[in-house]
Amino acid sequence: MYNDPIVEKYINTIKASCKEIRTFFQGDPLKIPASSLPCCIISRVATQSGFLDSANDEHNMTLHITVVTDIRSELSTEENVSKIAPGVAKLYDIIEGRNADYTLKDSSILKIIRTNQPIDLAHNLRTDLHTQTRVDYGTTMRNRNPAEWSIEATVEVVSNFIQLR
């Protein structure tokens, strides 16, 4: 099985600061056991490669960092309007949890990605800060597996590196 070294660097960077994630996957699994949640899936979406100068190529790789959480522990049997949407709270906290002063928590995926811009300086691997990092909470419950109670969000980043041709 192929393990992409760039994706592996991102996994190791997230692992170092986000202890909430139980399992990491390279590529998008179709079915995830509940015992593996919350999990993080890092998938390559697209790569652009072009000439930088007479000796080097520049590569821009779009990555999706998807976090899937199990919401069963957060559901309530109370018929109360304040209990309608607590299932997303853990997901929000892992992706972009904030402190009281609105700053991102050190353990949030968004903070980890935005503050660890150089991923591997020895190999010129960086998160491209000129590209807006996008978080998408549009994936709905049970989209991946109708029998599971999970919800997910995706952080889209662009990884950039320069390589000798």
N, C-alpha and C. Protein backbone atom coordinates (compact mmCIF):
# COMPACT_ATOMS: atom_id res chain seq x y z
N MET A 1 0.85 -1.18 0.00
CA MET A 1 0.00 0.00 0.00
C MET A 1 0.89 1.24 0.00
N TYR A 2 0.56 2.19 -0.83
CA TYR A 2 1.32 3.43 -0.94
C TYR A 2 0.93 4.40 0.16
N ASN A 3 1.91 4.90 0.91
CA ASN A 3 1.71 5.97 1.88
C ASN A 3 2.45 7.20 1.38
N ASP A 4 1.71 8.24 1.09
CA ASP A 4 2.30 9.45 0.55
C ASP A 4 3.12 10.16 1.63
N PRO A 5 4.39 10.47 1.36
CA PRO A 5 5.22 11.11 2.38
C PRO A 5 4.77 12.53 2.74
N ILE A 6 4.13 13.23 1.82
CA ILE A 6 3.63 14.58 2.12
C ILE A 6 2.43 14.49 3.06
N VAL A 7 1.51 13.60 2.75
CA VAL A 7 0.35 13.39 3.62
C VAL A 7 0.82 12.93 5.00
N GLU A 8 1.82 12.06 5.03
CA GLU A 8 2.36 11.57 6.30
C GLU A 8 2.92 12.72 7.16
N LYS A 9 3.57 13.68 6.54
CA LYS A 9 4.10 14.85 7.27
C LYS A 9 2.95 15.64 7.90
N TYR A 10 1.85 15.81 7.17
CA TYR A 10 0.69 16.52 7.73
C TYR A 10 0.06 15.73 8.87
N ILE A 11 -0.02 14.41 8.72
CA ILE A 11 -0.55 13.57 9.79
C ILE A 11 0.29 13.74 11.05
N ASN A 12 1.60 13.66 10.92
CA ASN A 12 2.49 13.81 12.08
C ASN A 12 2.40 15.18 12.72
N THR A 13 2.21 16.22 11.91
CA THR A 13 2.06 17.58 12.44
C THR A 13 0.79 17.70 13.26
N ILE A 14 -0.31 17.15 12.75
CA ILE A 14 -1.59 17.21 13.47
C ILE A 14 -1.53 16.34 14.73
N LYS A 15 -0.97 15.14 14.62
CA LYS A 15 -0.85 14.22 15.76
C LYS A 15 -0.13 14.86 16.94
N ALA A 16 0.87 15.66 16.65
CA ALA A 16 1.69 16.26 17.70
C ALA A 16 0.89 17.21 18.60
N SER A 17 -0.17 17.81 18.09
CA SER A 17 -0.90 18.82 18.86
C SER A 17 -2.37 18.49 19.13
N CYS A 18 -2.97 17.62 18.35
CA CYS A 18 -4.40 17.33 18.50
C CYS A 18 -4.57 15.92 19.03
N LYS A 19 -4.77 15.82 20.33
CA LYS A 19 -4.90 14.51 20.99
C LYS A 19 -6.31 13.94 20.90
N GLU A 20 -7.27 14.71 20.39
CA GLU A 20 -8.66 14.25 20.26
C GLU A 20 -8.84 13.19 19.18
N ILE A 21 -7.97 13.21 18.17
CA ILE A 21 -8.10 12.31 17.03
C ILE A 21 -7.61 10.91 17.41
N ARG A 22 -8.46 9.93 17.19
CA ARG A 22 -8.15 8.55 17.54
C ARG A 22 -7.41 7.81 16.42
N THR A 23 -7.84 8.06 15.17
CA THR A 23 -7.31 7.32 14.03
C THR A 23 -7.05 8.28 12.87
N PHE A 24 -5.99 8.00 12.11
CA PHE A 24 -5.67 8.77 10.92
C PHE A 24 -5.70 7.86 9.70
N PHE A 25 -6.23 8.38 8.59
CA PHE A 25 -6.29 7.65 7.33
C PHE A 25 -5.68 8.49 6.23
N GLN A 26 -4.95 7.83 5.31
CA GLN A 26 -4.53 8.48 4.07
C GLN A 26 -5.53 8.05 3.01
N GLY A 27 -6.14 8.99 2.36
CA GLY A 27 -7.17 8.66 1.39
C GLY A 27 -8.50 8.48 2.08
N ASP A 28 -9.56 8.48 1.32
CA ASP A 28 -10.92 8.54 1.86
C ASP A 28 -11.54 7.16 2.01
N PRO A 29 -11.63 6.64 3.25
CA PRO A 29 -12.28 5.33 3.43
C PRO A 29 -13.79 5.46 3.28
N LEU A 30 -14.41 4.41 2.78
CA LEU A 30 -15.86 4.44 2.59
C LEU A 30 -16.59 4.18 3.89
N LYS A 31 -16.04 3.33 4.73
CA LYS A 31 -16.70 2.99 5.98
C LYS A 31 -15.68 3.06 7.11
N ILE A 32 -16.07 3.68 8.20
CA ILE A 32 -15.18 3.86 9.34
C ILE A 32 -15.87 3.27 10.56
N PRO A 33 -15.20 2.36 11.27
CA PRO A 33 -15.81 1.82 12.48
C PRO A 33 -15.99 2.90 13.54
N ALA A 34 -17.07 2.82 14.29
CA ALA A 34 -17.32 3.81 15.35
C ALA A 34 -16.18 3.85 16.36
N SER A 35 -15.50 2.72 16.56
CA SER A 35 -14.39 2.68 17.52
C SER A 35 -13.19 3.49 17.05
N SER A 36 -13.15 3.88 15.78
CA SER A 36 -12.04 4.69 15.24
C SER A 36 -12.32 6.19 15.30
N LEU A 37 -13.51 6.57 15.76
CA LEU A 37 -13.89 7.98 15.78
C LEU A 37 -13.56 8.64 17.11
N PRO A 38 -13.21 9.91 17.09
CA PRO A 38 -13.05 10.78 15.93
C PRO A 38 -11.79 10.42 15.15
N CYS A 39 -11.90 10.56 13.84
CA CYS A 39 -10.77 10.25 12.98
C CYS A 39 -10.46 11.43 12.07
N CYS A 40 -9.28 11.37 11.49
CA CYS A 40 -8.84 12.40 10.54
C CYS A 40 -8.43 11.69 9.26
N ILE A 41 -8.96 12.17 8.15
CA ILE A 41 -8.68 11.62 6.84
C ILE A 41 -7.99 12.71 6.02
N ILE A 42 -6.82 12.41 5.50
CA ILE A 42 -6.15 13.39 4.64
C ILE A 42 -6.07 12.81 3.24
N SER A 43 -6.67 13.53 2.30
CA SER A 43 -6.75 13.09 0.90
C SER A 43 -6.17 14.13 -0.03
N ARG A 44 -5.47 13.67 -1.03
CA ARG A 44 -5.00 14.57 -2.09
C ARG A 44 -6.16 14.79 -3.05
N VAL A 45 -6.41 16.05 -3.38
CA VAL A 45 -7.51 16.39 -4.26
C VAL A 45 -7.00 16.74 -5.66
N ALA A 46 -5.95 17.54 -5.73
CA ALA A 46 -5.40 17.97 -7.02
C ALA A 46 -3.96 18.41 -6.82
N THR A 47 -3.18 18.31 -7.90
CA THR A 47 -1.80 18.78 -7.87
C THR A 47 -1.55 19.61 -9.12
N GLN A 48 -0.93 20.76 -8.92
CA GLN A 48 -0.48 21.58 -10.04
C GLN A 48 1.04 21.60 -9.98
N SER A 49 1.67 21.33 -11.10
CA SER A 49 3.13 21.32 -11.16
C SER A 49 3.57 22.16 -12.34
N GLY A 50 4.57 23.01 -12.11
CA GLY A 50 5.04 23.86 -13.20
C GLY A 50 6.47 24.28 -13.01
N PHE A 51 7.04 24.87 -14.05
CA PHE A 51 8.42 25.34 -14.00
C PHE A 51 8.50 26.57 -13.09
N LEU A 52 9.42 26.55 -12.14
CA LEU A 52 9.67 27.72 -11.30
C LEU A 52 10.81 28.53 -11.90
N ASP A 53 11.89 27.84 -12.24
CA ASP A 53 13.03 28.47 -12.90
C ASP A 53 13.71 27.40 -13.76
N SER A 54 14.93 27.65 -14.21
CA SER A 54 15.58 26.71 -15.12
C SER A 54 15.96 25.38 -14.48
N ALA A 55 15.94 25.29 -13.16
CA ALA A 55 16.35 24.05 -12.50
C ALA A 55 15.28 23.43 -11.60
N ASN A 56 14.25 24.21 -11.25
CA ASN A 56 13.29 23.75 -10.25
C ASN A 56 11.85 23.75 -10.75
N ASP A 57 11.09 22.82 -10.22
CA ASP A 57 9.64 22.78 -10.42
C ASP A 57 8.96 23.17 -9.13
N GLU A 58 7.80 23.83 -9.25
CA GLU A 58 6.98 24.15 -8.08
C GLU A 58 5.73 23.28 -8.14
N HIS A 59 5.40 22.67 -7.01
CA HIS A 59 4.22 21.82 -6.90
C HIS A 59 3.26 22.42 -5.88
N ASN A 60 2.00 22.53 -6.26
CA ASN A 60 0.94 22.96 -5.35
C ASN A 60 -0.08 21.84 -5.29
N MET A 61 -0.22 21.25 -4.10
CA MET A 61 -1.08 20.11 -3.91
C MET A 61 -2.23 20.50 -2.98
N THR A 62 -3.46 20.39 -3.48
CA THR A 62 -4.63 20.66 -2.65
C THR A 62 -4.93 19.41 -1.82
N LEU A 63 -5.02 19.61 -0.51
CA LEU A 63 -5.32 18.52 0.41
C LEU A 63 -6.63 18.79 1.12
N HIS A 64 -7.40 17.74 1.35
CA HIS A 64 -8.59 17.81 2.20
C HIS A 64 -8.27 17.09 3.50
N ILE A 65 -8.40 17.81 4.59
CA ILE A 65 -8.23 17.24 5.92
C ILE A 65 -9.63 17.13 6.50
N THR A 66 -10.15 15.92 6.53
CA THR A 66 -11.53 15.69 6.97
C THR A 66 -11.52 15.08 8.36
N VAL A 67 -12.33 15.65 9.24
CA VAL A 67 -12.50 15.10 10.59
C VAL A 67 -13.91 14.55 10.69
N VAL A 68 -14.02 13.30 11.15
CA VAL A 68 -15.31 12.64 11.33
C VAL A 68 -15.46 12.35 12.83
N THR A 69 -16.58 12.79 13.40
CA THR A 69 -16.83 12.54 14.82
C THR A 69 -18.10 11.73 15.00
N ASP A 70 -18.16 11.01 16.11
CA ASP A 70 -19.33 10.22 16.50
C ASP A 70 -20.17 11.12 17.40
N ILE A 71 -21.42 11.37 17.01
CA ILE A 71 -22.23 12.32 17.78
C ILE A 71 -23.15 11.65 18.78
N ARG A 72 -23.14 10.32 18.84
CA ARG A 72 -24.07 9.63 19.74
C ARG A 72 -23.92 10.07 21.19
N SER A 73 -22.70 10.29 21.65
CA SER A 73 -22.50 10.66 23.06
C SER A 73 -23.02 12.07 23.36
N GLU A 74 -23.21 12.87 22.33
CA GLU A 74 -23.69 14.24 22.54
C GLU A 74 -25.18 14.41 22.33
N LEU A 75 -25.84 13.37 21.85
CA LEU A 75 -27.28 13.47 21.64
C LEU A 75 -28.02 13.35 22.96
N SER A 76 -29.13 14.01 23.05
CA SER A 76 -29.92 13.99 24.27
C SER A 76 -31.33 13.50 23.94
N THR A 77 -31.96 12.89 24.92
CA THR A 77 -33.35 12.46 24.74
C THR A 77 -34.32 13.56 25.16
N GLU A 78 -33.76 14.65 25.70
CA GLU A 78 -34.62 15.76 26.11
C GLU A 78 -35.22 16.45 24.90
N GLU A 79 -36.50 16.78 25.00
CA GLU A 79 -37.14 17.53 23.92
C GLU A 79 -37.08 19.00 24.27
N ASN A 80 -35.91 19.55 24.04
CA ASN A 80 -35.63 20.92 24.42
C ASN A 80 -34.89 21.57 23.25
N VAL A 81 -35.26 22.77 22.90
CA VAL A 81 -34.66 23.43 21.74
C VAL A 81 -33.15 23.59 21.91
N SER A 82 -32.65 23.72 23.13
CA SER A 82 -31.21 23.87 23.33
C SER A 82 -30.45 22.57 23.10
N LYS A 83 -31.15 21.45 22.97
CA LYS A 83 -30.51 20.15 22.78
C LYS A 83 -30.56 19.68 21.32
N ILE A 84 -31.02 20.52 20.43
CA ILE A 84 -31.20 20.11 19.04
C ILE A 84 -29.87 19.88 18.32
N ALA A 85 -28.90 20.77 18.48
CA ALA A 85 -27.68 20.68 17.67
C ALA A 85 -26.39 20.50 18.46
N PRO A 86 -26.41 19.85 19.62
CA PRO A 86 -25.14 19.71 20.33
C PRO A 86 -24.18 18.75 19.67
N GLY A 87 -24.64 17.91 18.75
CA GLY A 87 -23.79 16.93 18.10
C GLY A 87 -22.64 17.52 17.33
N VAL A 88 -22.74 18.75 16.91
CA VAL A 88 -21.65 19.37 16.14
C VAL A 88 -20.61 20.02 17.03
N ALA A 89 -20.87 20.15 18.32
CA ALA A 89 -19.96 20.87 19.22
C ALA A 89 -18.55 20.27 19.22
N LYS A 90 -18.44 18.95 19.31
CA LYS A 90 -17.13 18.31 19.32
C LYS A 90 -16.41 18.54 18.00
N LEU A 91 -17.15 18.45 16.90
CA LEU A 91 -16.57 18.69 15.58
C LEU A 91 -16.04 20.11 15.47
N TYR A 92 -16.85 21.09 15.87
CA TYR A 92 -16.40 22.49 15.84
C TYR A 92 -15.14 22.67 16.68
N ASP A 93 -15.12 22.04 17.86
CA ASP A 93 -13.97 22.19 18.76
C ASP A 93 -12.71 21.61 18.15
N ILE A 94 -12.80 20.45 17.53
CA ILE A 94 -11.61 19.84 16.92
C ILE A 94 -11.14 20.65 15.72
N ILE A 95 -12.07 21.11 14.90
CA ILE A 95 -11.69 21.83 13.67
C ILE A 95 -11.21 23.24 13.96
N GLU A 96 -12.01 24.03 14.68
CA GLU A 96 -11.62 25.42 14.92
C GLU A 96 -12.11 25.92 16.27
N GLY A 97 -11.86 25.11 17.31
CA GLY A 97 -12.22 25.52 18.66
C GLY A 97 -11.54 26.85 19.01
N ARG A 98 -12.27 27.69 19.72
CA ARG A 98 -11.76 29.02 20.06
C ARG A 98 -11.78 29.25 21.57
N ASN A 99 -10.85 30.08 22.01
CA ASN A 99 -10.79 30.52 23.39
C ASN A 99 -11.78 31.66 23.59
N ALA A 100 -11.96 32.09 24.84
CA ALA A 100 -12.91 33.16 25.16
C ALA A 100 -12.59 34.46 24.42
N ASP A 101 -11.31 34.68 24.08
CA ASP A 101 -10.93 35.91 23.36
C ASP A 101 -10.96 35.73 21.84
N TYR A 102 -11.61 34.65 21.35
CA TYR A 102 -11.80 34.34 19.94
C TYR A 102 -10.56 33.76 19.25
N THR A 103 -9.43 33.68 19.93
CA THR A 103 -8.25 33.07 19.31
C THR A 103 -8.46 31.57 19.20
N LEU A 104 -7.87 30.98 18.19
CA LEU A 104 -7.99 29.54 17.99
C LEU A 104 -7.25 28.79 19.09
N LYS A 105 -7.85 27.68 19.54
CA LYS A 105 -7.18 26.82 20.51
C LYS A 105 -5.97 26.17 19.85
N ASP A 106 -4.92 25.95 20.63
CA ASP A 106 -3.70 25.34 20.10
C ASP A 106 -3.94 23.95 19.54
N SER A 107 -4.96 23.26 20.04
CA SER A 107 -5.24 21.89 19.59
C SER A 107 -6.16 21.82 18.38
N SER A 108 -6.67 22.95 17.90
CA SER A 108 -7.59 22.92 16.76
C SER A 108 -6.83 22.72 15.45
N ILE A 109 -7.45 21.98 14.54
CA ILE A 109 -6.82 21.68 13.25
C ILE A 109 -6.46 22.98 12.52
N LEU A 110 -7.36 23.95 12.53
CA LEU A 110 -7.10 25.21 11.83
C LEU A 110 -5.87 25.91 12.39
N LYS A 111 -5.73 25.96 13.71
CA LYS A 111 -4.56 26.61 14.33
C LYS A 111 -3.29 25.83 14.00
N ILE A 112 -3.36 24.50 14.08
CA ILE A 112 -2.18 23.68 13.80
C ILE A 112 -1.69 23.92 12.37
N ILE A 113 -2.61 23.93 11.42
CA ILE A 113 -2.23 24.12 10.01
C ILE A 113 -1.71 25.53 9.77
N ARG A 114 -2.37 26.53 10.34
CA ARG A 114 -1.98 27.92 10.07
C ARG A 114 -0.69 28.33 10.79
N THR A 115 -0.36 27.69 11.91
CA THR A 115 0.86 28.09 12.64
C THR A 115 2.06 27.21 12.33
N ASN A 116 1.84 26.08 11.70
CA ASN A 116 2.95 25.20 11.31
C ASN A 116 3.13 25.29 9.80
N GLN A 117 3.31 26.49 9.31
CA GLN A 117 3.42 26.71 7.87
C GLN A 117 4.57 25.94 7.25
N PRO A 118 5.77 25.97 7.84
CA PRO A 118 6.78 25.06 7.27
C PRO A 118 6.55 23.66 7.83
N ILE A 119 6.20 22.73 6.97
CA ILE A 119 5.93 21.35 7.39
C ILE A 119 7.23 20.54 7.41
N ASP A 120 8.08 20.76 6.41
CA ASP A 120 9.37 20.07 6.34
C ASP A 120 10.34 20.98 5.59
N LEU A 121 11.08 21.79 6.33
CA LEU A 121 12.00 22.75 5.70
C LEU A 121 13.11 22.08 4.90
N ALA A 122 13.54 20.93 5.34
CA ALA A 122 14.63 20.23 4.64
C ALA A 122 14.24 19.88 3.20
N HIS A 123 12.94 19.71 2.96
CA HIS A 123 12.47 19.37 1.62
C HIS A 123 11.56 20.45 1.03
N ASN A 124 11.63 21.65 1.57
CA ASN A 124 10.87 22.81 1.06
C ASN A 124 9.36 22.61 1.07
N LEU A 125 8.84 21.83 2.00
CA LEU A 125 7.41 21.56 2.07
C LEU A 125 6.76 22.55 3.04
N ARG A 126 5.77 23.28 2.54
CA ARG A 126 5.07 24.30 3.33
C ARG A 126 3.58 24.28 3.03
N THR A 127 2.81 24.80 3.99
CA THR A 127 1.41 25.09 3.71
C THR A 127 1.39 26.47 3.08
N ASP A 128 0.76 26.60 1.94
CA ASP A 128 0.72 27.86 1.20
C ASP A 128 -0.19 28.85 1.92
N LEU A 129 0.40 29.86 2.53
CA LEU A 129 -0.38 30.86 3.27
C LEU A 129 -1.00 31.91 2.36
N HIS A 130 -0.66 31.89 1.08
CA HIS A 130 -1.28 32.83 0.15
C HIS A 130 -2.64 32.33 -0.31
N THR A 131 -2.90 31.06 -0.10
CA THR A 131 -4.20 30.48 -0.43
C THR A 131 -5.03 30.44 0.83
N GLN A 132 -6.26 30.90 0.76
CA GLN A 132 -7.15 30.87 1.92
C GLN A 132 -7.42 29.43 2.33
N THR A 133 -7.29 29.15 3.62
CA THR A 133 -7.66 27.84 4.14
C THR A 133 -9.17 27.86 4.31
N ARG A 134 -9.84 26.85 3.79
CA ARG A 134 -11.31 26.82 3.79
C ARG A 134 -11.80 25.67 4.65
N VAL A 135 -12.77 25.94 5.53
CA VAL A 135 -13.42 24.91 6.33
C VAL A 135 -14.85 24.76 5.82
N ASP A 136 -15.23 23.51 5.54
CA ASP A 136 -16.57 23.23 5.03
C ASP A 136 -17.28 22.28 5.99
N TYR A 137 -18.36 22.77 6.58
CA TYR A 137 -19.18 21.96 7.48
C TYR A 137 -20.41 21.42 6.74
N GLY A 138 -20.42 21.48 5.43
CA GLY A 138 -21.59 21.13 4.65
C GLY A 138 -21.91 19.65 4.55
N THR A 139 -20.98 18.79 4.97
CA THR A 139 -21.25 17.35 4.91
C THR A 139 -22.20 17.00 6.04
N THR A 140 -23.28 16.35 5.69
CA THR A 140 -24.32 16.08 6.69
C THR A 140 -24.14 14.74 7.37
N MET A 141 -24.89 14.53 8.44
CA MET A 141 -24.86 13.27 9.16
C MET A 141 -25.20 12.12 8.25
N ARG A 142 -24.54 11.01 8.52
CA ARG A 142 -24.81 9.74 7.85
C ARG A 142 -24.56 9.77 6.35
N ASN A 143 -23.83 10.72 5.85
CA ASN A 143 -23.54 10.78 4.42
C ASN A 143 -22.57 9.67 4.02
N ARG A 144 -21.60 9.38 4.88
CA ARG A 144 -20.60 8.36 4.58
C ARG A 144 -21.16 6.95 4.76
N ASN A 145 -21.91 6.75 5.84
CA ASN A 145 -22.48 5.44 6.14
C ASN A 145 -23.82 5.62 6.82
N PRO A 146 -24.92 5.33 6.15
CA PRO A 146 -26.25 5.61 6.71
C PRO A 146 -26.53 4.98 8.08
N ALA A 147 -25.83 3.91 8.42
CA ALA A 147 -26.10 3.24 9.70
C ALA A 147 -25.35 3.88 10.88
N GLU A 148 -24.40 4.75 10.61
CA GLU A 148 -23.59 5.36 11.67
C GLU A 148 -24.09 6.75 12.03
N TRP A 149 -23.88 7.14 13.26
CA TRP A 149 -24.22 8.48 13.72
C TRP A 149 -22.94 9.30 13.76
N SER A 150 -22.57 9.83 12.61
CA SER A 150 -21.35 10.63 12.54
C SER A 150 -21.62 11.91 11.76
N ILE A 151 -20.74 12.86 11.97
CA ILE A 151 -20.81 14.13 11.24
C ILE A 151 -19.37 14.50 10.91
N GLU A 152 -19.18 15.23 9.83
CA GLU A 152 -17.82 15.54 9.43
C GLU A 152 -17.69 16.93 8.84
N ALA A 153 -16.44 17.40 8.83
CA ALA A 153 -16.10 18.69 8.23
C ALA A 153 -14.76 18.53 7.53
N THR A 154 -14.51 19.37 6.54
CA THR A 154 -13.28 19.29 5.77
C THR A 154 -12.56 20.63 5.78
N VAL A 155 -11.26 20.57 6.03
CA VAL A 155 -10.38 21.73 5.94
C VAL A 155 -9.59 21.56 4.65
N GLU A 156 -9.67 22.56 3.77
CA GLU A 156 -8.94 22.50 2.51
C GLU A 156 -7.72 23.40 2.58
N VAL A 157 -6.54 22.81 2.34
CA VAL A 157 -5.29 23.57 2.34
C VAL A 157 -4.53 23.25 1.07
N VAL A 158 -3.59 24.13 0.74
CA VAL A 158 -2.71 23.89 -0.39
C VAL A 158 -1.29 23.71 0.16
N SER A 159 -0.71 22.59 -0.17
CA SER A 159 0.66 22.28 0.21
C SER A 159 1.56 22.68 -0.95
N ASN A 160 2.68 23.31 -0.64
CA ASN A 160 3.55 23.83 -1.68
C ASN A 160 4.97 23.32 -1.43
N PHE A 161 5.63 22.87 -2.49
CA PHE A 161 7.04 22.54 -2.36
C PHE A 161 7.75 22.75 -3.69
N ILE A 162 9.04 23.00 -3.57
CA ILE A 162 9.88 23.23 -4.74
C ILE A 162 10.83 22.04 -4.83
N GLN A 163 10.97 21.52 -6.04
CA GLN A 163 11.75 20.30 -6.24
C GLN A 163 12.71 20.51 -7.39
N LEU A 164 13.94 20.07 -7.20
CA LEU A 164 14.92 20.10 -8.28
C LEU A 164 14.47 19.17 -9.39
N ARG A 165 14.46 19.68 -10.59
CA ARG A 165 13.99 18.87 -11.73
C ARG A 165 15.02 17.86 -12.13
